[in-house]
PDB file of all heavy atoms in Angstrom:
ATOM      1  N   SER A   1      -2.814   9.689  15.555  1.00  0.00           N
ATOM      2  CA  SER A   1      -2.850   8.712  14.466  1.00  0.00           C
ATOM      3  C   SER A   1      -3.891   7.645  14.763  1.00  0.00           C
ATOM      4  O   SER A   1      -4.568   7.676  15.796  1.00  0.00           O
ATOM      5  CB  SER A   1      -1.473   8.059  14.310  1.00  0.00           C
ATOM      6  OG  SER A   1      -1.248   7.116  15.357  1.00  0.00           O
ATOM      7  N   ASN A   2      -4.007   6.665  13.862  1.00  0.00           N
ATOM      8  CA  ASN A   2      -4.940   5.548  14.090  1.00  0.00           C
ATOM      9  C   ASN A   2      -4.212   4.284  14.520  1.00  0.00           C
ATOM     10  O   ASN A   2      -4.690   3.181  14.287  1.00  0.00           O
ATOM     11  CB  ASN A   2      -5.806   5.290  12.859  1.00  0.00           C
ATOM     12  CG  ASN A   2      -4.983   4.951  11.617  1.00  0.00           C
ATOM     13  OD1 ASN A   2      -3.809   4.580  11.696  1.00  0.00           O
ATOM     14  ND2 ASN A   2      -5.602   5.066  10.453  1.00  0.00           N
ATOM     15  N   SER A   3      -3.056   4.447  15.176  1.00  0.00           N
ATOM     16  CA  SER A   3      -2.371   3.297  15.767  1.00  0.00           C
ATOM     17  C   SER A   3      -3.222   2.716  16.890  1.00  0.00           C
ATOM     18  O   SER A   3      -4.169   3.360  17.362  1.00  0.00           O
ATOM     19  CB  SER A   3      -1.004   3.707  16.312  1.00  0.00           C
ATOM     20  OG  SER A   3      -1.157   4.537  17.456  1.00  0.00           O
ATOM     21  N   GLU A   4      -2.886   1.515  17.345  1.00  0.00           N
ATOM     22  CA  GLU A   4      -3.695   0.878  18.377  1.00  0.00           C
ATOM     23  C   GLU A   4      -3.662   1.674  19.679  1.00  0.00           C
ATOM     24  O   GLU A   4      -4.707   1.893  20.310  1.00  0.00           O
ATOM     25  CB  GLU A   4      -3.221  -0.559  18.620  1.00  0.00           C
ATOM     26  CG  GLU A   4      -4.106  -1.321  19.594  1.00  0.00           C
ATOM     27  CD  GLU A   4      -3.785  -2.804  19.649  1.00  0.00           C
ATOM     28  OE1 GLU A   4      -2.681  -3.207  19.239  1.00  0.00           O
ATOM     29  OE2 GLU A   4      -4.657  -3.578  20.107  1.00  0.00           O
ATOM     30  N   VAL A   5      -2.486   2.131  20.092  1.00  0.00           N
ATOM     31  CA  VAL A   5      -2.368   2.886  21.345  1.00  0.00           C
ATOM     32  C   VAL A   5      -3.178   4.181  21.268  1.00  0.00           C
ATOM     33  O   VAL A   5      -3.953   4.507  22.177  1.00  0.00           O
ATOM     34  CB  VAL A   5      -0.886   3.188  21.653  1.00  0.00           C
ATOM     35  CG1 VAL A   5      -0.779   4.146  22.834  1.00  0.00           C
ATOM     36  CG2 VAL A   5      -0.130   1.909  21.949  1.00  0.00           C
ATOM     37  N   HIS A   6      -3.002   4.920  20.187  1.00  0.00           N
ATOM     38  CA  HIS A   6      -3.744   6.177  20.035  1.00  0.00           C
ATOM     39  C   HIS A   6      -5.252   5.927  19.931  1.00  0.00           C
ATOM     40  O   HIS A   6      -6.056   6.704  20.448  1.00  0.00           O
ATOM     41  CB  HIS A   6      -3.263   6.916  18.791  1.00  0.00           C
ATOM     42  CG  HIS A   6      -1.925   7.551  18.948  1.00  0.00           C
ATOM     43  ND1 HIS A   6      -1.247   8.149  17.908  1.00  0.00           N
ATOM     44  CD2 HIS A   6      -1.114   7.686  20.040  1.00  0.00           C
ATOM     45  CE1 HIS A   6      -0.099   8.628  18.348  1.00  0.00           C
ATOM     46  NE2 HIS A   6       0.009   8.350  19.632  1.00  0.00           N
ATOM     47  N   SER A   7      -5.627   4.844  19.269  1.00  0.00           N
ATOM     48  CA  SER A   7      -7.058   4.550  19.098  1.00  0.00           C
ATOM     49  C   SER A   7      -7.717   4.205  20.423  1.00  0.00           C
ATOM     50  O   SER A   7      -8.868   4.591  20.671  1.00  0.00           O
ATOM     51  CB  SER A   7      -7.240   3.404  18.101  1.00  0.00           C
ATOM     52  OG  SER A   7      -6.761   3.763  16.817  1.00  0.00           O
ATOM     53  N   VAL A   8      -7.010   3.474  21.294  1.00  0.00           N
ATOM     54  CA  VAL A   8      -7.566   3.164  22.617  1.00  0.00           C
ATOM     55  C   VAL A   8      -7.734   4.441  23.425  1.00  0.00           C
ATOM     56  O   VAL A   8      -8.750   4.629  24.108  1.00  0.00           O
ATOM     57  CB  VAL A   8      -6.676   2.151  23.361  1.00  0.00           C
ATOM     58  CG1 VAL A   8      -7.151   1.971  24.806  1.00  0.00           C
ATOM     59  CG2 VAL A   8      -6.679   0.796  22.651  1.00  0.00           C
ATOM     60  N   TRP A   9      -6.771   5.340  23.340  1.00  0.00           N
ATOM     61  CA  TRP A   9      -6.888   6.611  24.069  1.00  0.00           C
ATOM     62  C   TRP A   9      -8.101   7.396  23.576  1.00  0.00           C
ATOM     63  O   TRP A   9      -8.889   7.921  24.363  1.00  0.00           O
ATOM     64  CB  TRP A   9      -5.615   7.439  23.886  1.00  0.00           C
ATOM     65  CG  TRP A   9      -5.594   8.675  24.737  1.00  0.00           C
ATOM     66  CD1 TRP A   9      -5.125   8.792  26.014  1.00  0.00           C
ATOM     67  CD2 TRP A   9      -6.103   9.972  24.378  1.00  0.00           C
ATOM     68  NE1 TRP A   9      -5.305  10.073  26.465  1.00  0.00           N
ATOM     69  CE2 TRP A   9      -5.901  10.824  25.495  1.00  0.00           C
ATOM     70  CE3 TRP A   9      -6.697  10.491  23.235  1.00  0.00           C
ATOM     71  CZ2 TRP A   9      -6.271  12.159  25.488  1.00  0.00           C
ATOM     72  CZ3 TRP A   9      -7.080  11.830  23.227  1.00  0.00           C
ATOM     73  CH2 TRP A   9      -6.862  12.654  24.341  1.00  0.00           C
ATOM     74  N   LYS A  10      -8.254   7.479  22.254  1.00  0.00           N
ATOM     75  CA  LYS A  10      -9.402   8.209  21.698  1.00  0.00           C
ATOM     76  C   LYS A  10     -10.716   7.546  22.094  1.00  0.00           C
ATOM     77  O   LYS A  10     -11.707   8.227  22.374  1.00  0.00           O
ATOM     78  CB  LYS A  10      -9.271   8.306  20.178  1.00  0.00           C
ATOM     79  CG  LYS A  10      -8.220   9.299  19.721  1.00  0.00           C
ATOM     80  CD  LYS A  10      -8.301   9.596  18.236  1.00  0.00           C
ATOM     81  CE  LYS A  10      -7.674   8.544  17.398  1.00  0.00           C
ATOM     82  NZ  LYS A  10      -7.588   8.946  15.955  1.00  0.00           N
ATOM     83  N   LEU A  11     -10.731   6.204  22.105  1.00  0.00           N
ATOM     84  CA  LEU A  11     -11.946   5.495  22.509  1.00  0.00           C
ATOM     85  C   LEU A  11     -12.354   5.864  23.930  1.00  0.00           C
ATOM     86  O   LEU A  11     -13.534   6.130  24.204  1.00  0.00           O
ATOM     87  CB  LEU A  11     -11.722   3.983  22.410  1.00  0.00           C
ATOM     88  CG  LEU A  11     -12.876   3.127  22.935  1.00  0.00           C
ATOM     89  CD1 LEU A  11     -14.034   3.125  21.949  1.00  0.00           C
ATOM     90  CD2 LEU A  11     -12.421   1.699  23.215  1.00  0.00           C
ATOM     91  N   GLU A  12     -11.393   5.885  24.835  1.00  0.00           N
ATOM     92  CA  GLU A  12     -11.710   6.199  26.229  1.00  0.00           C
ATOM     93  C   GLU A  12     -12.269   7.617  26.358  1.00  0.00           C
ATOM     94  O   GLU A  12     -13.239   7.844  27.091  1.00  0.00           O
ATOM     95  CB  GLU A  12     -10.468   6.018  27.099  1.00  0.00           C
ATOM     96  CG  GLU A  12     -10.032   4.555  27.235  1.00  0.00           C
ATOM     97  CD  GLU A  12      -8.829   4.395  28.147  1.00  0.00           C
ATOM     98  OE1 GLU A  12      -8.155   5.404  28.450  1.00  0.00           O
ATOM     99  OE2 GLU A  12      -8.547   3.249  28.560  1.00  0.00           O
ATOM    100  N   LYS A  13     -11.679   8.559  25.654  1.00  0.00           N
ATOM    101  CA  LYS A  13     -12.184   9.935  25.705  1.00  0.00           C
ATOM    102  C   LYS A  13     -13.565  10.043  25.077  1.00  0.00           C
ATOM    103  O   LYS A  13     -14.444  10.756  25.567  1.00  0.00           O
ATOM    104  CB  LYS A  13     -11.198  10.874  24.999  1.00  0.00           C
ATOM    105  CG  LYS A  13      -9.857  10.984  25.698  1.00  0.00           C
ATOM    106  CD  LYS A  13     -10.032  11.486  27.117  1.00  0.00           C
ATOM    107  CE  LYS A  13      -8.720  11.531  27.868  1.00  0.00           C
ATOM    108  NZ  LYS A  13      -8.900  11.945  29.294  1.00  0.00           N
ATOM    109  N   LEU A  14     -13.748   9.322  23.984  1.00  0.00           N
ATOM    110  CA  LEU A  14     -15.033   9.330  23.288  1.00  0.00           C
ATOM    111  C   LEU A  14     -16.139   8.754  24.175  1.00  0.00           C
ATOM    112  O   LEU A  14     -17.217   9.337  24.301  1.00  0.00           O
ATOM    113  CB  LEU A  14     -14.877   8.530  22.002  1.00  0.00           C
ATOM    114  CG  LEU A  14     -15.972   8.521  20.955  1.00  0.00           C
ATOM    115  CD1 LEU A  14     -15.370   8.158  19.597  1.00  0.00           C
ATOM    116  CD2 LEU A  14     -17.063   7.540  21.292  1.00  0.00           C
ATOM    117  N   MET A  15     -15.862   7.623  24.810  1.00  0.00           N
ATOM    118  CA  MET A  15     -16.875   6.999  25.663  1.00  0.00           C
ATOM    119  C   MET A  15     -17.132   7.820  26.915  1.00  0.00           C
ATOM    120  O   MET A  15     -18.242   7.815  27.464  1.00  0.00           O
ATOM    121  CB  MET A  15     -16.450   5.571  26.017  1.00  0.00           C
ATOM    122  CG  MET A  15     -16.355   4.654  24.811  1.00  0.00           C
ATOM    123  SD  MET A  15     -15.961   2.921  25.209  1.00  0.00           S
ATOM    124  CE  MET A  15     -17.578   2.310  25.744  1.00  0.00           C
ATOM    125  N   GLU A  16     -16.119   8.541  27.364  1.00  0.00           N
ATOM    126  CA  GLU A  16     -16.290   9.421  28.522  1.00  0.00           C
ATOM    127  C   GLU A  16     -17.189  10.605  28.177  1.00  0.00           C
ATOM    128  O   GLU A  16     -18.085  10.971  28.939  1.00  0.00           O
ATOM    129  CB  GLU A  16     -14.909   9.904  28.979  1.00  0.00           C
ATOM    130  CG  GLU A  16     -14.924  10.896  30.123  1.00  0.00           C
ATOM    131  CD  GLU A  16     -13.531  11.387  30.454  1.00  0.00           C
ATOM    132  OE1 GLU A  16     -12.600  10.565  30.522  1.00  0.00           O
ATOM    133  OE2 GLU A  16     -13.366  12.615  30.623  1.00  0.00           O
ATOM    134  N   ARG A  17     -16.965  11.195  27.004  1.00  0.00           N
ATOM    135  CA  ARG A  17     -17.760  12.367  26.619  1.00  0.00           C
ATOM    136  C   ARG A  17     -19.197  11.979  26.286  1.00  0.00           C
ATOM    137  O   ARG A  17     -20.111  12.780  26.488  1.00  0.00           O
ATOM    138  CB  ARG A  17     -17.100  13.079  25.446  1.00  0.00           C
ATOM    139  CG  ARG A  17     -17.842  14.335  25.030  1.00  0.00           C
ATOM    140  CD  ARG A  17     -16.960  15.331  24.315  1.00  0.00           C
ATOM    141  NE  ARG A  17     -16.007  15.978  25.211  1.00  0.00           N
ATOM    142  CZ  ARG A  17     -15.274  17.053  24.870  1.00  0.00           C
ATOM    143  NH1 ARG A  17     -15.401  17.580  23.664  1.00  0.00           N
ATOM    144  NH2 ARG A  17     -14.426  17.582  25.716  1.00  0.00           N
ATOM    145  N   HIS A  18     -19.408  10.782  25.762  1.00  0.00           N
ATOM    146  CA  HIS A  18     -20.765  10.322  25.433  1.00  0.00           C
ATOM    147  C   HIS A  18     -21.223   9.250  26.441  1.00  0.00           C
ATOM    148  O   HIS A  18     -21.899   8.301  26.066  1.00  0.00           O
ATOM    149  CB  HIS A  18     -20.792   9.744  24.016  1.00  0.00           C
ATOM    150  CG  HIS A  18     -20.577  10.757  22.941  1.00  0.00           C
ATOM    151  ND1 HIS A  18     -21.569  11.597  22.495  1.00  0.00           N
ATOM    152  CD2 HIS A  18     -19.470  11.072  22.224  1.00  0.00           C
ATOM    153  CE1 HIS A  18     -21.089  12.381  21.539  1.00  0.00           C
ATOM    154  NE2 HIS A  18     -19.820  12.081  21.356  1.00  0.00           N
ATOM    155  N   ARG A  19     -20.883   9.432  27.677  1.00  0.00           N
ATOM    156  CA  ARG A  19     -21.126   8.407  28.698  1.00  0.00           C
ATOM    157  C   ARG A  19     -22.593   8.012  28.786  1.00  0.00           C
ATOM    158  O   ARG A  19     -22.924   6.842  28.941  1.00  0.00           O
ATOM    159  CB  ARG A  19     -20.637   8.896  30.062  1.00  0.00           C
ATOM    160  CG  ARG A  19     -20.812   7.840  31.165  1.00  0.00           C
ATOM    161  CD  ARG A  19     -20.241   8.305  32.485  1.00  0.00           C
ATOM    162  NE  ARG A  19     -20.537   7.326  33.537  1.00  0.00           N
ATOM    163  CZ  ARG A  19     -19.833   6.242  33.782  1.00  0.00           C
ATOM    164  NH1 ARG A  19     -18.778   5.962  33.029  1.00  0.00           N
ATOM    165  NH2 ARG A  19     -20.176   5.406  34.747  1.00  0.00           N
ATOM    166  N   ALA A  20     -23.500   8.966  28.656  1.00  0.00           N
ATOM    167  CA  ALA A  20     -24.930   8.660  28.777  1.00  0.00           C
ATOM    168  C   ALA A  20     -25.356   7.608  27.763  1.00  0.00           C
ATOM    169  O   ALA A  20     -26.155   6.717  28.075  1.00  0.00           O
ATOM    170  CB  ALA A  20     -25.757   9.933  28.598  1.00  0.00           C
ATOM    171  N   VAL A  21     -24.834   7.697  26.534  1.00  0.00           N
ATOM    172  CA  VAL A  21     -25.181   6.710  25.505  1.00  0.00           C
ATOM    173  C   VAL A  21     -24.730   5.319  25.935  1.00  0.00           C
ATOM    174  O   VAL A  21     -25.483   4.335  25.821  1.00  0.00           O
ATOM    175  CB  VAL A  21     -24.545   7.086  24.152  1.00  0.00           C
ATOM    176  CG1 VAL A  21     -24.743   5.958  23.139  1.00  0.00           C
ATOM    177  CG2 VAL A  21     -25.143   8.371  23.624  1.00  0.00           C
ATOM    178  N   PHE A  22     -23.517   5.215  26.451  1.00  0.00           N
ATOM    179  CA  PHE A  22     -22.984   3.901  26.789  1.00  0.00           C
ATOM    180  C   PHE A  22     -23.595   3.345  28.078  1.00  0.00           C
ATOM    181  O   PHE A  22     -23.651   2.131  28.258  1.00  0.00           O
ATOM    182  CB  PHE A  22     -21.460   3.973  26.850  1.00  0.00           C
ATOM    183  CG  PHE A  22     -20.857   4.303  25.514  1.00  0.00           C
ATOM    184  CD1 PHE A  22     -20.383   5.576  25.242  1.00  0.00           C
ATOM    185  CD2 PHE A  22     -20.832   3.352  24.502  1.00  0.00           C
ATOM    186  CE1 PHE A  22     -19.865   5.890  23.996  1.00  0.00           C
ATOM    187  CE2 PHE A  22     -20.322   3.656  23.249  1.00  0.00           C
ATOM    188  CZ  PHE A  22     -19.832   4.928  23.000  1.00  0.00           C
ATOM    189  N   VAL A  23     -24.068   4.226  28.949  1.00  0.00           N
ATOM    190  CA  VAL A  23     -24.839   3.756  30.109  1.00  0.00           C
ATOM    191  C   VAL A  23     -26.101   3.047  29.630  1.00  0.00           C
ATOM    192  O   VAL A  23     -26.437   1.945  30.079  1.00  0.00           O
ATOM    193  CB  VAL A  23     -25.194   4.936  31.040  1.00  0.00           C
ATOM    194  CG1 VAL A  23     -26.269   4.525  32.050  1.00  0.00           C
ATOM    195  CG2 VAL A  23     -23.957   5.430  31.776  1.00  0.00           C
ATOM    196  N   HIS A  24     -26.816   3.658  28.713  1.00  0.00           N
ATOM    197  CA  HIS A  24     -28.053   3.054  28.199  1.00  0.00           C
ATOM    198  C   HIS A  24     -27.762   1.830  27.326  1.00  0.00           C
ATOM    199  O   HIS A  24     -28.551   0.880  27.319  1.00  0.00           O
ATOM    200  CB  HIS A  24     -28.857   4.090  27.410  1.00  0.00           C
ATOM    201  CG  HIS A  24     -29.586   5.069  28.273  1.00  0.00           C
ATOM    202  ND1 HIS A  24     -28.968   6.126  28.900  1.00  0.00           N
ATOM    203  CD2 HIS A  24     -30.897   5.142  28.633  1.00  0.00           C
ATOM    204  CE1 HIS A  24     -29.861   6.803  29.597  1.00  0.00           C
ATOM    205  NE2 HIS A  24     -31.032   6.230  29.450  1.00  0.00           N
ATOM    206  N   LEU A  25     -26.643   1.845  26.604  1.00  0.00           N
ATOM    207  CA  LEU A  25     -26.287   0.688  25.784  1.00  0.00           C
ATOM    208  C   LEU A  25     -25.949  -0.504  26.676  1.00  0.00           C
ATOM    209  O   LEU A  25     -26.344  -1.643  26.392  1.00  0.00           O
ATOM    210  CB  LEU A  25     -25.107   1.036  24.876  1.00  0.00           C
ATOM    211  CG  LEU A  25     -24.755   0.028  23.785  1.00  0.00           C
ATOM    212  CD1 LEU A  25     -25.934  -0.189  22.847  1.00  0.00           C
ATOM    213  CD2 LEU A  25     -23.528   0.499  23.002  1.00  0.00           C
ATOM    214  N   ALA A  26     -25.230  -0.265  27.763  1.00  0.00           N
ATOM    215  CA  ALA A  26     -24.913  -1.340  28.705  1.00  0.00           C
ATOM    216  C   ALA A  26     -26.189  -1.903  29.327  1.00  0.00           C
ATOM    217  O   ALA A  26     -26.335  -3.125  29.480  1.00  0.00           O
ATOM    218  CB  ALA A  26     -23.981  -0.811  29.795  1.00  0.00           C
ATOM    219  N   ASP A  27     -27.119  -1.031  29.668  1.00  0.00           N
ATOM    220  CA  ASP A  27     -28.385  -1.485  30.241  1.00  0.00           C
ATOM    221  C   ASP A  27     -29.180  -2.295  29.227  1.00  0.00           C
ATOM    222  O   ASP A  27     -29.818  -3.296  29.569  1.00  0.00           O
ATOM    223  CB  ASP A  27     -29.191  -0.265  30.704  1.00  0.00           C
ATOM    224  CG  ASP A  27     -30.455  -0.655  31.458  1.00  0.00           C
ATOM    225  OD1 ASP A  27     -30.408  -1.619  32.251  1.00  0.00           O
ATOM    226  OD2 ASP A  27     -31.490  -0.008  31.245  1.00  0.00           O
ATOM    227  N   PHE A  28     -29.138  -1.886  27.964  1.00  0.00           N
ATOM    228  CA  PHE A  28     -29.832  -2.600  26.902  1.00  0.00           C
ATOM    229  C   PHE A  28     -29.303  -4.027  26.778  1.00  0.00           C
ATOM    230  O   PHE A  28     -30.071  -4.988  26.690  1.00  0.00           O
ATOM    231  CB  PHE A  28     -29.640  -1.837  25.584  1.00  0.00           C
ATOM    232  CG  PHE A  28     -30.297  -2.472  24.392  1.00  0.00           C
ATOM    233  CD1 PHE A  28     -31.610  -2.166  24.063  1.00  0.00           C
ATOM    234  CD2 PHE A  28     -29.605  -3.368  23.586  1.00  0.00           C
ATOM    235  CE1 PHE A  28     -32.225  -2.747  22.956  1.00  0.00           C
ATOM    236  CE2 PHE A  28     -30.206  -3.947  22.483  1.00  0.00           C
ATOM    237  CZ  PHE A  28     -31.517  -3.639  22.165  1.00  0.00           C
ATOM    238  N   VAL A  29     -27.986  -4.183  26.801  1.00  0.00           N
ATOM    239  CA  VAL A  29     -27.373  -5.516  26.686  1.00  0.00           C
ATOM    240  C   VAL A  29     -27.686  -6.355  27.921  1.00  0.00           C
ATOM    241  O   VAL A  29     -28.068  -7.527  27.814  1.00  0.00           O
ATOM    242  CB  VAL A  29     -25.851  -5.396  26.492  1.00  0.00           C
ATOM    243  CG1 VAL A  29     -25.187  -6.768  26.536  1.00  0.00           C
ATOM    244  CG2 VAL A  29     -25.541  -4.708  25.170  1.00  0.00           C
ATOM    245  N   ALA A  30     -27.553  -5.758  29.096  1.00  0.00           N
ATOM    246  CA  ALA A  30     -27.784  -6.503  30.334  1.00  0.00           C
ATOM    247  C   ALA A  30     -29.242  -6.897  30.516  1.00  0.00           C
ATOM    248  O   ALA A  30     -29.550  -7.777  31.329  1.00  0.00           O
ATOM    249  CB  ALA A  30     -27.323  -5.666  31.529  1.00  0.00           C
ATOM    250  N   SER A  31     -30.128  -6.301  29.746  1.00  0.00           N
ATOM    251  CA  SER A  31     -31.558  -6.626  29.843  1.00  0.00           C
ATOM    252  C   SER A  31     -31.947  -7.827  28.989  1.00  0.00           C
ATOM    253  O   SER A  31     -33.132  -8.098  28.789  1.00  0.00           O
ATOM    254  CB  SER A  31     -32.401  -5.410  29.428  1.00  0.00           C
ATOM    255  OG  SER A  31     -32.174  -4.317  30.303  1.00  0.00           O
ATOM    256  N   GLY A  32     -30.930  -8.532  28.476  1.00  0.00           N
ATOM    257  CA  GLY A  32     -31.203  -9.768  27.745  1.00  0.00           C
ATOM    258  C   GLY A  32     -31.181  -9.638  26.245  1.00  0.00           C
ATOM    259  O   GLY A  32     -31.628 -10.541  25.530  1.00  0.00           O
ATOM    260  N   ASN A  33     -30.664  -8.524  25.730  1.00  0.00           N
ATOM    261  CA  ASN A  33     -30.581  -8.313  24.297  1.00  0.00           C
ATOM    262  C   ASN A  33     -29.154  -8.541  23.799  1.00  0.00           C
ATOM    263  O   ASN A  33     -28.194  -8.476  24.563  1.00  0.00           O
ATOM    264  CB  ASN A  33     -31.026  -6.886  23.956  1.00  0.00           C
ATOM    265  CG  ASN A  33     -32.437  -6.587  24.431  1.00  0.00           C
ATOM    266  OD1 ASN A  33     -33.403  -7.218  23.995  1.00  0.00           O
ATOM    267  ND2 ASN A  33     -32.566  -5.633  25.347  1.00  0.00           N
ATOM    268  N   ARG A  34     -29.022  -8.790  22.510  1.00  0.00           N
ATOM    269  CA  ARG A  34     -27.712  -9.045  21.906  1.00  0.00           C
ATOM    270  C   ARG A  34     -27.275  -7.816  21.116  1.00  0.00           C
ATOM    271  O   ARG A  34     -28.102  -7.126  20.506  1.00  0.00           O
ATOM    272  CB  ARG A  34     -27.782 -10.263  20.983  1.00  0.00           C
ATOM    273  CG  ARG A  34     -26.466 -10.623  20.301  1.00  0.00           C
ATOM    274  CD  ARG A  34     -26.629 -11.837  19.415  1.00  0.00           C
ATOM    275  NE  ARG A  34     -26.896 -13.022  20.208  1.00  0.00           N
ATOM    276  CZ  ARG A  34     -25.957 -13.772  20.776  1.00  0.00           C
ATOM    277  NH1 ARG A  34     -24.689 -13.450  20.633  1.00  0.00           N
ATOM    278  NH2 ARG A  34     -26.284 -14.842  21.457  1.00  0.00           N
ATOM    279  N   LEU A  35     -25.956  -7.552  21.122  1.00  0.00           N
ATOM    280  CA  LEU A  35     -25.384  -6.410  20.420  1.00  0.00           C
ATOM    281  C   LEU A  35     -24.372  -6.888  19.386  1.00  0.00           C
ATOM    282  O   LEU A  35     -23.429  -7.612  19.717  1.00  0.00           O
ATOM    283  CB  LEU A  35     -24.710  -5.461  21.420  1.00  0.00           C
ATOM    284  CG  LEU A  35     -23.994  -4.233  20.844  1.00  0.00           C
ATOM    285  CD1 LEU A  35     -24.974  -3.334  20.105  1.00  0.00           C
ATOM    286  CD2 LEU A  35     -23.286  -3.459  21.962  1.00  0.00           C
ATOM    287  N   GLU A  36     -24.574  -6.502  18.130  1.00  0.00           N
ATOM    288  CA  GLU A  36     -23.657  -6.834  17.043  1.00  0.00           C
ATOM    289  C   GLU A  36     -23.123  -5.515  16.482  1.00  0.00           C
ATOM    290  O   GLU A  36     -23.902  -4.625  16.129  1.00  0.00           O
ATOM    291  CB  GLU A  36     -24.369  -7.606  15.923  1.00  0.00           C
ATOM    292  CG  GLU A  36     -25.253  -8.753  16.385  1.00  0.00           C
ATOM    293  CD  GLU A  36     -24.475 -10.042  16.622  1.00  0.00           C
ATOM    294  OE1 GLU A  36     -23.232 -10.009  16.501  1.00  0.00           O
ATOM    295  OE2 GLU A  36     -25.119 -11.066  16.924  1.00  0.00           O
ATOM    296  N   ILE A  37     -21.796  -5.386  16.393  1.00  0.00           N
ATOM    297  CA  ILE A  37     -21.169  -4.134  15.968  1.00  0.00           C
ATOM    298  C   ILE A  37     -20.369  -4.367  14.694  1.00  0.00           C
ATOM    299  O   ILE A  37     -19.446  -5.190  14.670  1.00  0.00           O
ATOM    300  CB  ILE A  37     -20.261  -3.563  17.076  1.00  0.00           C
ATOM    301  CG1 ILE A  37     -21.074  -3.306  18.352  1.00  0.00           C
ATOM    302  CG2 ILE A  37     -19.592  -2.282  16.608  1.00  0.00           C
ATOM    303  CD1 ILE A  37     -20.238  -2.865  19.533  1.00  0.00           C
ATOM    304  N   LEU A  38     -20.740  -3.652  13.641  1.00  0.00           N
ATOM    305  CA  LEU A  38     -20.027  -3.705  12.366  1.00  0.00           C
ATOM    306  C   LEU A  38     -19.053  -2.540  12.264  1.00  0.00           C
ATOM    307  O   LEU A  38     -19.307  -1.460  12.798  1.00  0.00           O
ATOM    308  CB  LEU A  38     -21.011  -3.635  11.196  1.00  0.00           C
ATOM    309  CG  LEU A  38     -22.023  -4.773  11.049  1.00  0.00           C
ATOM    310  CD1 LEU A  38     -23.049  -4.415   9.981  1.00  0.00           C
ATOM    311  CD2 LEU A  38     -21.325  -6.065  10.691  1.00  0.00           C
ATOM    312  N   GLN A  39     -17.937  -2.760  11.568  1.00  0.00           N
ATOM    313  CA  GLN A  39     -16.988  -1.686  11.330  1.00  0.00           C
ATOM    314  C   GLN A  39     -17.425  -0.833  10.147  1.00  0.00           C
ATOM    315  O   GLN A  39     -17.899  -1.338   9.132  1.00  0.00           O
ATOM    316  CB  GLN A  39     -15.593  -2.254  11.019  1.00  0.00           C
ATOM    317  CG  GLN A  39     -14.835  -2.732  12.229  1.00  0.00           C
ATOM    318  CD  GLN A  39     -13.498  -3.351  11.874  1.00  0.00           C
ATOM    319  OE1 GLN A  39     -12.959  -4.154  12.628  1.00  0.00           O
ATOM    320  NE2 GLN A  39     -12.955  -3.006  10.723  1.00  0.00           N
TER     321      GLN A  39
END
């Protein structure tokens, strides 16, 4: 479902499977850039 508990679990699996993207996104932010996320 899209409950908070289930959504956090899905988020963790999603970020794990696409880890390379989030490695580069973290580096982008840490390099002095700002990140704005819309729903």
